[in-house]
Amino acid sequence: MRDGIVYYQETPAGTIRETDRGYEFQYLPEWLSNAEAEPVSLTLPLTERVYSSPTLFPFFDGLIPEGWLLDLSVRNWKLDPRDRMGLLLAVCRDSIGAVSVQPIEPIKPVEPTGAPE
């Protein structure tokens, strides 16, 4: 599973997650409590509920470049062009427009360094 933070005008607004069944998007409670909060897309109105889809939500898929820019991105990050979540997390960190997506890096366990002296 891979996760990302969805930003709206550089403010964290929600999370997107790849699951075994597809994808989930949910707004953050802090975003929903903001009086000036707007939906990241008209297709994803503000709500506390989790949105689920068997495929990447069309709004987020639309953030991924096409054509020669997609080809360049696939070569640069060594990604499969069918890996839509991988592309979203790699190339949509600094998108044109109000919405960007930053990957949430998994926390790696700390390896013991040996016995204390």
PDB file of N, CA and C in Angstrom:
ATOM      1  N   MET A   1       0.841  -1.180   0.000  1.00  0.00           N
ATOM      2  CA  MET A   1       0.000   0.000   0.000  1.00  0.00           C
ATOM      3  C   MET A   1       0.884   1.240   0.000  1.00  0.00           C
ATOM      4  N   ARG A   2       0.435   2.219  -0.751  1.00  0.00           N
ATOM      5  CA  ARG A   2       1.138   3.503  -0.789  1.00  0.00           C
ATOM      6  C   ARG A   2       0.145   4.589  -0.431  1.00  0.00           C
ATOM      7  N   ASP A   3       0.666   5.627   0.232  1.00  0.00           N
ATOM      8  CA  ASP A   3      -0.175   6.717   0.707  1.00  0.00           C
ATOM      9  C   ASP A   3       0.425   8.054   0.302  1.00  0.00           C
ATOM     10  N   GLY A   4      -0.452   9.040   0.167  1.00  0.00           N
ATOM     11  CA  GLY A   4      -0.003  10.390  -0.108  1.00  0.00           C
ATOM     12  C   GLY A   4      -0.857  11.405   0.626  1.00  0.00           C
ATOM     13  N   ILE A   5      -0.241  12.553   0.900  1.00  0.00           N
ATOM     14  CA  ILE A   5      -0.967  13.696   1.455  1.00  0.00           C
ATOM     15  C   ILE A   5      -1.361  14.579   0.282  1.00  0.00           C
ATOM     16  N   VAL A   6      -2.624  14.941   0.218  1.00  0.00           N
ATOM     17  CA  VAL A   6      -3.134  15.813  -0.833  1.00  0.00           C
ATOM     18  C   VAL A   6      -3.163  17.232  -0.276  1.00  0.00           C
ATOM     19  N   TYR A   7      -2.472  18.131  -0.972  1.00  0.00           N
ATOM     20  CA  TYR A   7      -2.407  19.534  -0.563  1.00  0.00           C
ATOM     21  C   TYR A   7      -3.305  20.374  -1.455  1.00  0.00           C
ATOM     22  N   TYR A   8      -3.965  21.336  -0.841  1.00  0.00           N
ATOM     23  CA  TYR A   8      -4.740  22.328  -1.588  1.00  0.00           C
ATOM     24  C   TYR A   8      -4.110  23.674  -1.271  1.00  0.00           C
ATOM     25  N   GLN A   9      -3.535  24.306  -2.270  1.00  0.00           N
ATOM     26  CA  GLN A   9      -2.812  25.566  -2.099  1.00  0.00           C
ATOM     27  C   GLN A   9      -1.818  25.466  -0.940  1.00  0.00           C
ATOM     28  N   GLU A  10      -1.015  24.411  -0.966  1.00  0.00           N
ATOM     29  CA  GLU A  10       0.078  24.161  -0.025  1.00  0.00           C
ATOM     30  C   GLU A  10      -0.365  23.846   1.402  1.00  0.00           C
ATOM     31  N   THR A  11      -1.654  23.593   1.616  1.00  0.00           N
ATOM     32  CA  THR A  11      -2.169  23.219   2.930  1.00  0.00           C
ATOM     33  C   THR A  11      -2.672  21.782   2.858  1.00  0.00           C
ATOM     34  N   PRO A  12      -2.268  20.918   3.809  1.00  0.00           N
ATOM     35  CA  PRO A  12      -2.767  19.545   3.784  1.00  0.00           C
ATOM     36  C   PRO A  12      -4.291  19.506   3.847  1.00  0.00           C
ATOM     37  N   ALA A  13      -4.902  18.830   2.880  1.00  0.00           N
ATOM     38  CA  ALA A  13      -6.365  18.773   2.800  1.00  0.00           C
ATOM     39  C   ALA A  13      -6.906  17.359   2.958  1.00  0.00           C
ATOM     40  N   GLY A  14      -6.134  16.350   2.581  1.00  0.00           N
ATOM     41  CA  GLY A  14      -6.638  14.985   2.653  1.00  0.00           C
ATOM     42  C   GLY A  14      -5.543  13.969   2.424  1.00  0.00           C
ATOM     43  N   THR A  15      -5.946  12.706   2.416  1.00  0.00           N
ATOM     44  CA  THR A  15      -5.011  11.615   2.144  1.00  0.00           C
ATOM     45  C   THR A  15      -5.570  10.744   1.028  1.00  0.00           C
ATOM     46  N   ILE A  16      -4.670  10.207   0.240  1.00  0.00           N
ATOM     47  CA  ILE A  16      -5.042   9.241  -0.785  1.00  0.00           C
ATOM     48  C   ILE A  16      -4.250   7.974  -0.512  1.00  0.00           C
ATOM     49  N   ARG A  17      -4.914   6.840  -0.643  1.00  0.00           N
ATOM     50  CA  ARG A  17      -4.293   5.557  -0.299  1.00  0.00           C
ATOM     51  C   ARG A  17      -4.613   4.527  -1.371  1.00  0.00           C
ATOM     52  N   GLU A  18      -3.599   3.747  -1.706  1.00  0.00           N
ATOM     53  CA  GLU A  18      -3.776   2.590  -2.577  1.00  0.00           C
ATOM     54  C   GLU A  18      -4.023   1.385  -1.672  1.00  0.00           C
ATOM     55  N   THR A  19      -5.096   0.647  -1.934  1.00  0.00           N
ATOM     56  CA  THR A  19      -5.437  -0.526  -1.122  1.00  0.00           C
ATOM     57  C   THR A  19      -5.495  -1.765  -2.013  1.00  0.00           C
ATOM     58  N   ASP A  20      -5.753  -2.897  -1.407  1.00  0.00           N
ATOM     59  CA  ASP A  20      -5.916  -4.133  -2.178  1.00  0.00           C
ATOM     60  C   ASP A  20      -7.143  -4.075  -3.080  1.00  0.00           C
ATOM     61  N   ARG A  21      -8.127  -3.262  -2.706  1.00  0.00           N
ATOM     62  CA  ARG A  21      -9.379  -3.157  -3.466  1.00  0.00           C
ATOM     63  C   ARG A  21      -9.406  -1.964  -4.417  1.00  0.00           C
ATOM     64  N   GLY A  22      -8.389  -1.119  -4.385  1.00  0.00           N
ATOM     65  CA  GLY A  22      -8.385   0.062  -5.240  1.00  0.00           C
ATOM     66  C   GLY A  22      -7.774   1.253  -4.536  1.00  0.00           C
ATOM     67  N   TYR A  23      -8.577   2.316  -4.405  1.00  0.00           N
ATOM     68  CA  TYR A  23      -8.067   3.576  -3.865  1.00  0.00           C
ATOM     69  C   TYR A  23      -9.073   4.184  -2.902  1.00  0.00           C
ATOM     70  N   GLU A  24      -8.547   4.946  -1.934  1.00  0.00           N
ATOM     71  CA  GLU A  24      -9.388   5.666  -0.981  1.00  0.00           C
ATOM     72  C   GLU A  24      -8.884   7.094  -0.869  1.00  0.00           C
ATOM     73  N   PHE A  25      -9.814   8.012  -0.743  1.00  0.00           N
ATOM     74  CA  PHE A  25      -9.485   9.414  -0.477  1.00  0.00           C
ATOM     75  C   PHE A  25     -10.341   9.878   0.685  1.00  0.00           C
ATOM     76  N   GLN A  26      -9.712  10.618   1.602  1.00  0.00           N
ATOM     77  CA  GLN A  26     -10.453  11.170   2.736  1.00  0.00           C
ATOM     78  C   GLN A  26      -9.875  12.531   3.096  1.00  0.00           C
ATOM     79  N   TYR A  27     -10.783  13.467   3.366  1.00  0.00           N
ATOM     80  CA  TYR A  27     -10.351  14.785   3.826  1.00  0.00           C
ATOM     81  C   TYR A  27      -9.858  14.697   5.259  1.00  0.00           C
ATOM     82  N   LEU A  28      -8.870  15.505   5.593  1.00  0.00           N
ATOM     83  CA  LEU A  28      -8.365  15.576   6.960  1.00  0.00           C
ATOM     84  C   LEU A  28      -9.349  16.343   7.838  1.00  0.00           C
ATOM     85  N   PRO A  29      -9.519  15.949   9.109  1.00  0.00           N
ATOM     86  CA  PRO A  29     -10.425  16.671  10.017  1.00  0.00           C
ATOM     87  C   PRO A  29     -10.066  18.155  10.132  1.00  0.00           C
ATOM     88  N   GLU A  30      -8.766  18.458  10.113  1.00  0.00           N
ATOM     89  CA  GLU A  30      -8.327  19.859  10.210  1.00  0.00           C
ATOM     90  C   GLU A  30      -8.804  20.669   9.009  1.00  0.00           C
ATOM     91  N   TRP A  31      -8.821  20.031   7.839  1.00  0.00           N
ATOM     92  CA  TRP A  31      -9.279  20.718   6.629  1.00  0.00           C
ATOM     93  C   TRP A  31     -10.789  20.947   6.693  1.00  0.00           C
ATOM     94  N   LEU A  32     -11.506  19.942   7.123  1.00  0.00           N
ATOM     95  CA  LEU A  32     -12.965  20.057   7.207  1.00  0.00           C
ATOM     96  C   LEU A  32     -13.397  21.093   8.234  1.00  0.00           C
ATOM     97  N   SER A  33     -12.599  21.305   9.275  1.00  0.00           N
ATOM     98  CA  SER A  33     -12.961  22.280  10.310  1.00  0.00           C
ATOM     99  C   SER A  33     -12.579  23.707   9.921  1.00  0.00           C
ATOM    100  N   ASN A  34     -11.859  23.868   8.825  1.00  0.00           N
ATOM    101  CA  ASN A  34     -11.456  25.187   8.340  1.00  0.00           C
ATOM    102  C   ASN A  34     -12.642  25.834   7.613  1.00  0.00           C
ATOM    103  N   ALA A  35     -13.049  27.005   8.068  1.00  0.00           N
ATOM    104  CA  ALA A  35     -14.204  27.693   7.474  1.00  0.00           C
ATOM    105  C   ALA A  35     -13.981  28.042   6.002  1.00  0.00           C
ATOM    106  N   GLU A  36     -12.718  28.157   5.583  1.00  0.00           N
ATOM    107  CA  GLU A  36     -12.407  28.518   4.198  1.00  0.00           C
ATOM    108  C   GLU A  36     -12.089  27.298   3.328  1.00  0.00           C
ATOM    109  N   ALA A  37     -12.285  26.109   3.867  1.00  0.00           N
ATOM    110  CA  ALA A  37     -11.959  24.884   3.121  1.00  0.00           C
ATOM    111  C   ALA A  37     -12.817  24.760   1.870  1.00  0.00           C
ATOM    112  N   GLU A  38     -12.175  24.295   0.810  1.00  0.00           N
ATOM    113  CA  GLU A  38     -12.860  24.013  -0.450  1.00  0.00           C
ATOM    114  C   GLU A  38     -12.563  22.568  -0.833  1.00  0.00           C
ATOM    115  N   PRO A  39     -13.433  21.941  -1.601  1.00  0.00           N
ATOM    116  CA  PRO A  39     -13.109  20.588  -2.067  1.00  0.00           C
ATOM    117  C   PRO A  39     -11.930  20.640  -3.041  1.00  0.00           C
ATOM    118  N   VAL A  40     -11.131  19.584  -3.058  1.00  0.00           N
ATOM    119  CA  VAL A  40     -10.024  19.542  -4.011  1.00  0.00           C
ATOM    120  C   VAL A  40     -10.554  19.380  -5.434  1.00  0.00           C
ATOM    121  N   SER A  41     -11.770  18.853  -5.549  1.00  0.00           N
ATOM    122  CA  SER A  41     -12.434  18.672  -6.835  1.00  0.00           C
ATOM    123  C   SER A  41     -13.943  18.701  -6.608  1.00  0.00           C
ATOM    124  N   LEU A  42     -14.674  19.185  -7.575  1.00  0.00           N
ATOM    125  CA  LEU A  42     -16.136  19.166  -7.466  1.00  0.00           C
ATOM    126  C   LEU A  42     -16.669  17.738  -7.434  1.00  0.00           C
ATOM    127  N   THR A  43     -15.875  16.795  -7.927  1.00  0.00           N
ATOM    128  CA  THR A  43     -16.287  15.387  -7.898  1.00  0.00           C
ATOM    129  C   THR A  43     -16.026  14.737  -6.538  1.00  0.00           C
ATOM    130  N   LEU A  44     -15.368  15.472  -5.628  1.00  0.00           N
ATOM    131  CA  LEU A  44     -15.069  14.978  -4.278  1.00  0.00           C
ATOM    132  C   LEU A  44     -15.511  16.027  -3.263  1.00  0.00           C
ATOM    133  N   PRO A  45     -16.835  16.212  -3.090  1.00  0.00           N
ATOM    134  CA  PRO A  45     -17.330  17.236  -2.164  1.00  0.00           C
ATOM    135  C   PRO A  45     -16.822  17.007  -0.742  1.00  0.00           C
ATOM    136  N   LEU A  46     -16.756  18.101   0.014  1.00  0.00           N
ATOM    137  CA  LEU A  46     -16.312  18.015   1.404  1.00  0.00           C
ATOM    138  C   LEU A  46     -17.233  17.100   2.206  1.00  0.00           C
ATOM    139  N   THR A  47     -16.645  16.125   2.871  1.00  0.00           N
ATOM    140  CA  THR A  47     -17.384  15.192   3.718  1.00  0.00           C
ATOM    141  C   THR A  47     -16.391  14.468   4.618  1.00  0.00           C
ATOM    142  N   GLU A  48     -16.898  13.930   5.715  1.00  0.00           N
ATOM    143  CA  GLU A  48     -16.045  13.134   6.599  1.00  0.00           C
ATOM    144  C   GLU A  48     -15.882  11.705   6.097  1.00  0.00           C
ATOM    145  N   ARG A  49     -16.753  11.269   5.212  1.00  0.00           N
ATOM    146  CA  ARG A  49     -16.711   9.873   4.770  1.00  0.00           C
ATOM    147  C   ARG A  49     -15.503   9.615   3.871  1.00  0.00           C
ATOM    148  N   VAL A  50     -15.143   8.356   3.763  1.00  0.00           N
ATOM    149  CA  VAL A  50     -14.038   7.926   2.906  1.00  0.00           C
ATOM    150  C   VAL A  50     -14.589   7.638   1.512  1.00  0.00           C
ATOM    151  N   TYR A  51     -13.977   8.236   0.498  1.00  0.00           N
ATOM    152  CA  TYR A  51     -14.324   7.921  -0.886  1.00  0.00           C
ATOM    153  C   TYR A  51     -13.527   6.688  -1.302  1.00  0.00           C
ATOM    154  N   SER A  52     -14.172   5.743  -1.969  1.00  0.00           N
ATOM    155  CA  SER A  52     -13.505   4.524  -2.440  1.00  0.00           C
ATOM    156  C   SER A  52     -13.759   4.349  -3.926  1.00  0.00           C
ATOM    157  N   SER A  53     -12.753   3.801  -4.623  1.00  0.00           N
ATOM    158  CA  SER A  53     -12.878   3.555  -6.058  1.00  0.00           C
ATOM    159  C   SER A  53     -11.975   2.385  -6.444  1.00  0.00           C
ATOM    160  N   PRO A  54     -12.438   1.515  -7.350  1.00  0.00           N
ATOM    161  CA  PRO A  54     -11.579   0.416  -7.798  1.00  0.00           C
ATOM    162  C   PRO A  54     -10.425   0.898  -8.684  1.00  0.00           C
ATOM    163  N   THR A  55     -10.565   2.090  -9.271  1.00  0.00           N
ATOM    164  CA  THR A  55      -9.503   2.685 -10.085  1.00  0.00           C
ATOM    165  C   THR A  55      -9.156   4.046  -9.497  1.00  0.00           C
ATOM    166  N   LEU A  56      -8.013   4.582  -9.904  1.00  0.00           N
ATOM    167  CA  LEU A  56      -7.615   5.894  -9.408  1.00  0.00           C
ATOM    168  C   LEU A  56      -8.694   6.911  -9.772  1.00  0.00           C
ATOM    169  N   PHE A  57      -9.084   7.728  -8.809  1.00  0.00           N
ATOM    170  CA  PHE A  57     -10.130   8.726  -9.030  1.00  0.00           C
ATOM    171  C   PHE A  57      -9.778   9.562 -10.263  1.00  0.00           C
ATOM    172  N   PRO A  58     -10.737   9.804 -11.151  1.00  0.00           N
ATOM    173  CA  PRO A  58     -10.453  10.555 -12.376  1.00  0.00           C
ATOM    174  C   PRO A  58      -9.776  11.903 -12.122  1.00  0.00           C
ATOM    175  N   PHE A  59     -10.167  12.598 -11.050  1.00  0.00           N
ATOM    176  CA  PHE A  59      -9.530  13.885 -10.767  1.00  0.00           C
ATOM    177  C   PHE A  59      -8.027  13.717 -10.577  1.00  0.00           C
ATOM    178  N   PHE A  60      -7.618  12.741  -9.769  1.00  0.00           N
ATOM    179  CA  PHE A  60      -6.195  12.532  -9.502  1.00  0.00           C
ATOM    180  C   PHE A  60      -5.481  11.981 -10.731  1.00  0.00           C
ATOM    181  N   ASP A  61      -6.138  11.106 -11.482  1.00  0.00           N
ATOM    182  CA  ASP A  61      -5.545  10.593 -12.711  1.00  0.00           C
ATOM    183  C   ASP A  61      -5.284  11.737 -13.695  1.00  0.00           C
ATOM    184  N   GLY A  62      -6.156  12.740 -13.672  1.00  0.00           N
ATOM    185  CA  GLY A  62      -5.993  13.895 -14.549  1.00  0.00           C
ATOM    186  C   GLY A  62      -4.809  14.777 -14.194  1.00  0.00           C
ATOM    187  N   LEU A  63      -4.270  14.639 -12.992  1.00  0.00           N
ATOM    188  CA  LEU A  63      -3.082  15.406 -12.602  1.00  0.00           C
ATOM    189  C   LEU A  63      -1.809  14.834 -13.224  1.00  0.00           C
ATOM    190  N   ILE A  64      -1.852  13.563 -13.613  1.00  0.00           N
ATOM    191  CA  ILE A  64      -0.679  12.885 -14.179  1.00  0.00           C
ATOM    192  C   ILE A  64      -0.475  13.376 -15.609  1.00  0.00           C
ATOM    193  N   PRO A  65       0.767  13.736 -15.969  1.00  0.00           N
ATOM    194  CA  PRO A  65       1.006  14.238 -17.328  1.00  0.00           C
ATOM    195  C   PRO A  65       0.739  13.178 -18.390  1.00  0.00           C
ATOM    196  N   GLU A  66       0.606  13.653 -19.615  1.00  0.00           N
ATOM    197  CA  GLU A  66       0.361  12.777 -20.759  1.00  0.00           C
ATOM    198  C   GLU A  66       1.424  13.029 -21.815  1.00  0.00           C
ATOM    199  N   GLY A  67       1.424  12.207 -22.846  1.00  0.00           N
ATOM    200  CA  GLY A  67       2.284  12.424 -24.006  1.00  0.00           C
ATOM    201  C   GLY A  67       3.764  12.392 -23.672  1.00  0.00           C
ATOM    202  N   TRP A  68       4.502  13.339 -24.276  1.00  0.00           N
ATOM    203  CA  TRP A  68       5.957  13.352 -24.113  1.00  0.00           C
ATOM    204  C   TRP A  68       6.364  13.586 -22.666  1.00  0.00           C
ATOM    205  N   LEU A  69       5.572  14.347 -21.907  1.00  0.00           N
ATOM    206  CA  LEU A  69       5.914  14.596 -20.508  1.00  0.00           C
ATOM    207  C   LEU A  69       5.736  13.322 -19.672  1.00  0.00           C
ATOM    208  N   LEU A  70       4.732  12.521 -20.002  1.00  0.00           N
ATOM    209  CA  LEU A  70       4.572  11.219 -19.343  1.00  0.00           C
ATOM    210  C   LEU A  70       5.755  10.318 -19.683  1.00  0.00           C
ATOM    211  N   ASP A  71       6.140  10.278 -20.960  1.00  0.00           N
ATOM    212  CA  ASP A  71       7.289   9.465 -21.374  1.00  0.00           C
ATOM    213  C   ASP A  71       8.549   9.875 -20.618  1.00  0.00           C
ATOM    214  N   LEU A  72       8.770  11.165 -20.491  1.00  0.00           N
ATOM    215  CA  LEU A  72       9.930  11.685 -19.764  1.00  0.00           C
ATOM    216  C   LEU A  72       9.867  11.290 -18.289  1.00  0.00           C
ATOM    217  N   SER A  73       8.690  11.408 -17.694  1.00  0.00           N
ATOM    218  CA  SER A  73       8.511  11.055 -16.279  1.00  0.00           C
ATOM    219  C   SER A  73       8.751   9.568 -16.044  1.00  0.00           C
ATOM    220  N   VAL A  74       8.230   8.732 -16.925  1.00  0.00           N
ATOM    221  CA  VAL A  74       8.396   7.280 -16.804  1.00  0.00           C
ATOM    222  C   VAL A  74       9.879   6.916 -16.873  1.00  0.00           C
ATOM    223  N   ARG A  75      10.607   7.529 -17.809  1.00  0.00           N
ATOM    224  CA  ARG A  75      12.049   7.256 -17.936  1.00  0.00           C
ATOM    225  C   ARG A  75      12.818   7.786 -16.730  1.00  0.00           C
ATOM    226  N   ASN A  76      12.493   9.002 -16.297  1.00  0.00           N
ATOM    227  CA  ASN A  76      13.221   9.654 -15.208  1.00  0.00           C
ATOM    228  C   ASN A  76      13.079   8.890 -13.897  1.00  0.00           C
ATOM    229  N   TRP A  77      11.854   8.472 -13.564  1.00  0.00           N
ATOM    230  CA  TRP A  77      11.606   7.798 -12.283  1.00  0.00           C
ATOM    231  C   TRP A  77      11.572   6.278 -12.422  1.00  0.00           C
ATOM    232  N   LYS A  78      11.835   5.775 -13.645  1.00  0.00           N
ATOM    233  CA  LYS A  78      11.841   4.330 -13.898  1.00  0.00           C
ATOM    234  C   LYS A  78      10.553   3.669 -13.402  1.00  0.00           C
ATOM    235  N   LEU A  79       9.427   4.231 -13.830  1.00  0.00           N
ATOM    236  CA  LEU A  79       8.110   3.744 -13.425  1.00  0.00           C
ATOM    237  C   LEU A  79       7.401   3.065 -14.585  1.00  0.00           C
ATOM    238  N   ASP A  80       6.496   2.191 -14.248  1.00  0.00           N
ATOM    239  CA  ASP A  80       5.618   1.564 -15.229  1.00  0.00           C
ATOM    240  C   ASP A  80       4.527   2.585 -15.563  1.00  0.00           C
ATOM    241  N   PRO A  81       4.282   2.888 -16.825  1.00  0.00           N
ATOM    242  CA  PRO A  81       3.256   3.880 -17.164  1.00  0.00           C
ATOM    243  C   PRO A  81       1.853   3.475 -16.717  1.00  0.00           C
ATOM    244  N   ARG A  82       1.651   2.189 -16.396  1.00  0.00           N
ATOM    245  CA  ARG A  82       0.346   1.740 -15.891  1.00  0.00           C
ATOM    246  C   ARG A  82       0.242   1.869 -14.374  1.00  0.00           C
ATOM    247  N   ASP A  83       1.353   2.215 -13.708  1.00  0.00           N
ATOM    248  CA  ASP A  83       1.365   2.391 -12.249  1.00  0.00           C
ATOM    249  C   ASP A  83       0.906   3.815 -11.933  1.00  0.00           C
ATOM    250  N   ARG A  84      -0.407   4.004 -11.940  1.00  0.00           N
ATOM    251  CA  ARG A  84      -0.958   5.352 -11.797  1.00  0.00           C
ATOM    252  C   ARG A  84      -0.646   5.958 -10.430  1.00  0.00           C
ATOM    253  N   MET A  85      -0.686   5.161  -9.356  1.00  0.00           N
ATOM    254  CA  MET A  85      -0.374   5.690  -8.028  1.00  0.00           C
ATOM    255  C   MET A  85       1.101   6.069  -7.944  1.00  0.00           C
ATOM    256  N   GLY A  86       1.971   5.241  -8.490  1.00  0.00           N
ATOM    257  CA  GLY A  86       3.397   5.563  -8.512  1.00  0.00           C
ATOM    258  C   GLY A  86       3.664   6.859  -9.255  1.00  0.00           C
ATOM    259  N   LEU A  87       3.004   7.025 -10.392  1.00  0.00           N
ATOM    260  CA  LEU A  87       3.154   8.265 -11.160  1.00  0.00           C
ATOM    261  C   LEU A  87       2.607   9.457 -10.391  1.00  0.00           C
ATOM    262  N   LEU A  88       1.439   9.297  -9.773  1.00  0.00           N
ATOM    263  CA  LEU A  88       0.840  10.384  -9.000  1.00  0.00           C
ATOM    264  C   LEU A  88       1.794  10.846  -7.905  1.00  0.00           C
ATOM    265  N   LEU A  89       2.363   9.894  -7.169  1.00  0.00           N
ATOM    266  CA  LEU A  89       3.246  10.240  -6.055  1.00  0.00           C
ATOM    267  C   LEU A  89       4.587  10.790  -6.521  1.00  0.00           C
ATOM    268  N   ALA A  90       5.036  10.399  -7.708  1.00  0.00           N
ATOM    269  CA  ALA A  90       6.333  10.856  -8.205  1.00  0.00           C
ATOM    270  C   ALA A  90       6.266  12.207  -8.900  1.00  0.00           C
ATOM    271  N   VAL A  91       5.254  12.419  -9.727  1.00  0.00           N
ATOM    272  CA  VAL A  91       5.269  13.611 -10.581  1.00  0.00           C
ATOM    273  C   VAL A  91       4.295  14.705 -10.172  1.00  0.00           C
ATOM    274  N   CYS A  92       3.455  14.468  -9.189  1.00  0.00           N
ATOM    275  CA  CYS A  92       2.449  15.474  -8.825  1.00  0.00           C
ATOM    276  C   CYS A  92       2.781  16.178  -7.519  1.00  0.00           C
ATOM    277  N   ARG A  93       4.058  16.206  -7.177  1.00  0.00           N
ATOM    278  CA  ARG A  93       4.496  16.891  -5.957  1.00  0.00           C
ATOM    279  C   ARG A  93       4.424  18.406  -6.111  1.00  0.00           C
ATOM    280  N   ASP A  94       4.589  18.867  -7.327  1.00  0.00           N
ATOM    281  CA  ASP A  94       4.583  20.308  -7.591  1.00  0.00           C
ATOM    282  C   ASP A  94       3.791  20.546  -8.873  1.00  0.00           C
ATOM    283  N   SER A  95       2.496  20.299  -8.798  1.00  0.00           N
ATOM    284  CA  SER A  95       1.632  20.380  -9.973  1.00  0.00           C
ATOM    285  C   SER A  95       1.263  21.817 -10.311  1.00  0.00           C
ATOM    286  N   ILE A  96       0.880  22.016 -11.551  1.00  0.00           N
ATOM    287  CA  ILE A  96       0.295  23.287 -11.944  1.00  0.00           C
ATOM    288  C   ILE A  96      -1.115  23.299 -11.374  1.00  0.00           C
ATOM    289  N   GLY A  97      -1.491  24.360 -10.725  1.00  0.00           N
ATOM    290  CA  GLY A  97      -2.821  24.433 -10.131  1.00  0.00           C
ATOM    291  C   GLY A  97      -2.754  24.365  -8.622  1.00  0.00           C
ATOM    292  N   ALA A  98      -3.909  24.237  -8.010  1.00  0.00           N
ATOM    293  CA  ALA A  98      -4.021  24.330  -6.553  1.00  0.00           C
ATOM    294  C   ALA A  98      -3.697  23.033  -5.829  1.00  0.00           C
ATOM    295  N   VAL A  99      -3.745  21.891  -6.516  1.00  0.00           N
ATOM    296  CA  VAL A  99      -3.619  20.594  -5.840  1.00  0.00           C
ATOM    297  C   VAL A  99      -2.275  19.943  -6.162  1.00  0.00           C
ATOM    298  N   SER A 100      -1.629  19.434  -5.123  1.00  0.00           N
ATOM    299  CA  SER A 100      -0.417  18.635  -5.284  1.00  0.00           C
ATOM    300  C   SER A 100      -0.509  17.438  -4.342  1.00  0.00           C
ATOM    301  N   VAL A 101       0.329  16.443  -4.591  1.00  0.00           N
ATOM    302  CA  VAL A 101       0.309  15.213  -3.790  1.00  0.00           C
ATOM    303  C   VAL A 101       1.741  14.871  -3.396  1.00  0.00           C
ATOM    304  N   GLN A 102       1.958  14.680  -2.103  1.00  0.00           N
ATOM    305  CA  GLN A 102       3.274  14.304  -1.581  1.00  0.00           C
ATOM    306  C   GLN A 102       3.190  12.885  -1.027  1.00  0.00           C
ATOM    307  N   PRO A 103       4.161  12.035  -1.340  1.00  0.00           N
ATOM    308  CA  PRO A 103       4.119  10.680  -0.786  1.00  0.00           C
ATOM    309  C   PRO A 103       4.337  10.692   0.723  1.00  0.00           C
ATOM    310  N   ILE A 104       3.675   9.770   1.402  1.00  0.00           N
ATOM    311  CA  ILE A 104       3.934   9.537   2.820  1.00  0.00           C
ATOM    312  C   ILE A 104       4.914   8.380   2.861  1.00  0.00           C
ATOM    313  N   GLU A 105       6.116   8.653   3.294  1.00  0.00           N
ATOM    314  CA  GLU A 105       7.151   7.623   3.332  1.00  0.00           C
ATOM    315  C   GLU A 105       6.913   6.700   4.519  1.00  0.00           C
ATOM    316  N   PRO A 106       6.997   5.398   4.303  1.00  0.00           N
ATOM    317  CA  PRO A 106       6.831   4.474   5.432  1.00  0.00           C
ATOM    318  C   PRO A 106       7.963   4.647   6.437  1.00  0.00           C
ATOM    319  N   ILE A 107       7.638   4.477   7.703  1.00  0.00           N
ATOM    320  CA  ILE A 107       8.643   4.582   8.755  1.00  0.00           C
ATOM    321  C   ILE A 107       9.433   3.282   8.778  1.00  0.00           C
ATOM    322  N   LYS A 108      10.745   3.421   8.666  1.00  0.00           N
ATOM    323  CA  LYS A 108      11.606   2.240   8.675  1.00  0.00           C
ATOM    324  C   LYS A 108      12.039   1.945  10.104  1.00  0.00           C
ATOM    325  N   PRO A 109      12.036   0.672  10.497  1.00  0.00           N
ATOM    326  CA  PRO A 109      12.462   0.344  11.856  1.00  0.00           C
ATOM    327  C   PRO A 109      13.940   0.661  12.050  1.00  0.00           C
ATOM    328  N   VAL A 110      14.278   1.080  13.251  1.00  0.00           N
ATOM    329  CA  VAL A 110      15.661   1.389  13.587  1.00  0.00           C
ATOM    330  C   VAL A 110      16.383   0.080  13.872  1.00  0.00           C
ATOM    331  N   GLU A 111      17.513  -0.099  13.224  1.00  0.00           N
ATOM    332  CA  GLU A 111      18.313  -1.306  13.432  1.00  0.00           C
ATOM    333  C   GLU A 111      19.182  -1.123  14.671  1.00  0.00           C
ATOM    334  N   PRO A 112      19.255  -2.129  15.534  1.00  0.00           N
ATOM    335  CA  PRO A 112      20.139  -2.013  16.695  1.00  0.00           C
ATOM    336  C   PRO A 112      21.591  -1.916  16.237  1.00  0.00           C
ATOM    337  N   THR A 113      22.355  -1.102  16.932  1.00  0.00           N
ATOM    338  CA  THR A 113      23.750  -0.886  16.546  1.00  0.00           C
ATOM    339  C   THR A 113      24.714  -1.748  17.343  1.00  0.00           C
ATOM    340  N   GLY A 114      24.236  -2.491  18.285  1.00  0.00           N
ATOM    341  CA  GLY A 114      25.119  -3.341  19.085  1.00  0.00           C
ATOM    342  C   GLY A 114      24.876  -3.120  20.561  1.00  0.00           C
ATOM    343  N   ALA A 115      25.632  -3.808  21.370  1.00  0.00           N
ATOM    344  CA  ALA A 115      25.477  -3.703  22.825  1.00  0.00           C
ATOM    345  C   ALA A 115      26.045  -2.391  23.332  1.00  0.00           C
ATOM    346  N   PRO A 116      25.389  -1.772  24.326  1.00  0.00           N
ATOM    347  CA  PRO A 116      25.934  -0.537  24.893  1.00  0.00           C
ATOM    348  C   PRO A 116      27.240  -0.825  25.618  1.00  0.00           C
ATOM    349  N   GLU A 117      28.106   0.164  25.603  1.00  0.00           N
ATOM    350  CA  GLU A 117      29.412  -0.011  26.257  1.00  0.00           C
ATOM    351  C   GLU A 117      29.391   0.428  27.683  1.00  0.00           C
TER     352      GLU A 117
END
